[in-house]
Amino acid sequence: MCWNEFKQNPYKWLWSRIGGRPWTYILRDIWHKYELVWIAVIFTGGVLLGHYCGFKTVLTIGLSFLIGYLFGHLFWGSEYIENQQGD
């Protein structure tokens, strides 16, 4: 029985056991509740990356992130609903 559930939808099988709802919804809640912490962590990561890796690497990673961010909002964006449950 468990194997059949896993074969049908591995992601749902995993999130239903770890977290109880889709991880994208959990991450959205954490982002909206602790925005300043996320921004501080991302900023600090960027500073450290720039210090240790150099401009070309930071630019490559930044452009890759920008493309993913744009695609995420253009094609997969949906309205934020606090504590949204999975299907």
Protein backbone atom coordinates (compact mmCIF):
# COMPACT_ATOMS: atom_id res chain seq x y z
CA MET A 1 0.00 0.00 0.00
CA CYS A 2 2.71 2.51 0.92
CA TRP A 3 4.72 1.70 -2.21
CA ASN A 4 1.71 2.38 -4.47
CA GLU A 5 1.21 5.81 -2.88
CA PHE A 6 4.89 6.57 -3.41
CA LYS A 7 4.80 5.51 -7.06
CA GLN A 8 1.74 7.68 -7.79
CA ASN A 9 3.11 10.91 -6.28
CA PRO A 10 6.49 10.73 -4.51
CA TYR A 11 6.45 14.41 -3.49
CA LYS A 12 3.01 14.15 -1.85
CA TRP A 13 4.04 10.93 -0.13
CA LEU A 14 7.09 12.72 1.31
CA TRP A 15 5.49 16.02 2.39
CA SER A 16 2.52 14.26 3.96
CA ARG A 17 5.00 12.53 6.28
CA ILE A 18 7.36 15.49 6.80
CA GLY A 19 5.51 18.71 7.53
CA GLY A 20 1.97 17.57 6.78
CA ARG A 21 1.47 19.93 3.83
CA PRO A 22 3.41 20.98 0.71
CA TRP A 23 6.79 22.51 1.55
CA THR A 24 6.19 25.46 -0.78
CA TYR A 25 3.29 26.49 1.47
CA ILE A 26 5.42 26.08 4.59
CA LEU A 27 8.21 28.18 3.06
CA ARG A 28 5.70 30.88 2.06
CA ASP A 29 4.46 31.09 5.65
CA ILE A 30 8.01 31.31 7.00
CA TRP A 31 8.90 34.00 4.44
CA HIS A 32 5.88 36.15 5.32
CA LYS A 33 6.35 35.78 9.08
CA TYR A 34 10.12 36.38 9.14
CA GLU A 35 10.90 38.55 6.08
CA LEU A 36 13.61 40.58 7.81
CA VAL A 37 15.48 37.43 8.86
CA TRP A 38 15.38 36.05 5.30
CA ILE A 39 16.58 39.35 3.84
CA ALA A 40 19.44 39.54 6.37
CA VAL A 41 20.51 35.95 5.62
CA ILE A 42 20.35 36.47 1.84
CA PHE A 43 22.27 39.77 2.11
CA THR A 44 24.94 38.21 4.33
CA GLY A 45 25.24 35.26 1.95
CA GLY A 46 25.72 37.67 -0.96
CA VAL A 47 28.41 39.61 0.88
CA LEU A 48 30.28 36.43 1.80
CA LEU A 49 29.92 35.06 -1.73
CA GLY A 50 31.26 38.30 -3.18
CA HIS A 51 34.17 38.34 -0.74
CA TYR A 52 35.28 34.75 -1.32
CA CYS A 53 34.23 33.94 -4.90
CA GLY A 54 34.74 37.06 -6.99
CA PHE A 55 32.58 39.19 -9.27
CA LYS A 56 32.13 36.77 -12.18
CA THR A 57 30.82 33.97 -9.96
CA VAL A 58 28.49 36.31 -8.09
CA LEU A 59 27.17 37.72 -11.37
CA THR A 60 26.57 34.21 -12.79
CA ILE A 61 24.72 33.08 -9.66
CA GLY A 62 22.75 36.34 -9.53
CA LEU A 63 21.62 36.06 -13.15
CA SER A 64 20.65 32.41 -12.66
CA PHE A 65 18.62 33.36 -9.60
CA LEU A 66 16.98 36.26 -11.46
CA ILE A 67 15.89 34.00 -14.32
CA GLY A 68 14.45 31.46 -11.88
CA TYR A 69 12.70 34.20 -9.94
CA LEU A 70 11.12 35.64 -13.08
CA PHE A 71 10.01 32.25 -14.36
CA GLY A 72 8.56 31.43 -10.95
CA HIS A 73 6.44 34.56 -10.96
CA LEU A 74 5.46 34.44 -14.61
CA PHE A 75 4.49 30.79 -14.87
CA TRP A 76 3.89 29.39 -11.40
CA GLY A 77 2.80 32.33 -9.29
CA SER A 78 -0.34 32.09 -7.23
CA GLU A 79 -1.95 34.20 -4.56
CA TYR A 80 -0.51 33.79 -1.07
CA ILE A 81 -2.94 32.19 1.38
CA GLU A 82 -1.72 31.93 4.98
CA ASN A 83 -1.56 28.34 6.31
CA GLN A 84 -2.68 26.96 2.94
CA GLN A 85 -3.21 23.20 3.01
CA GLY A 86 -2.31 20.68 0.31
CA ASP A 87 -4.77 19.04 -2.03
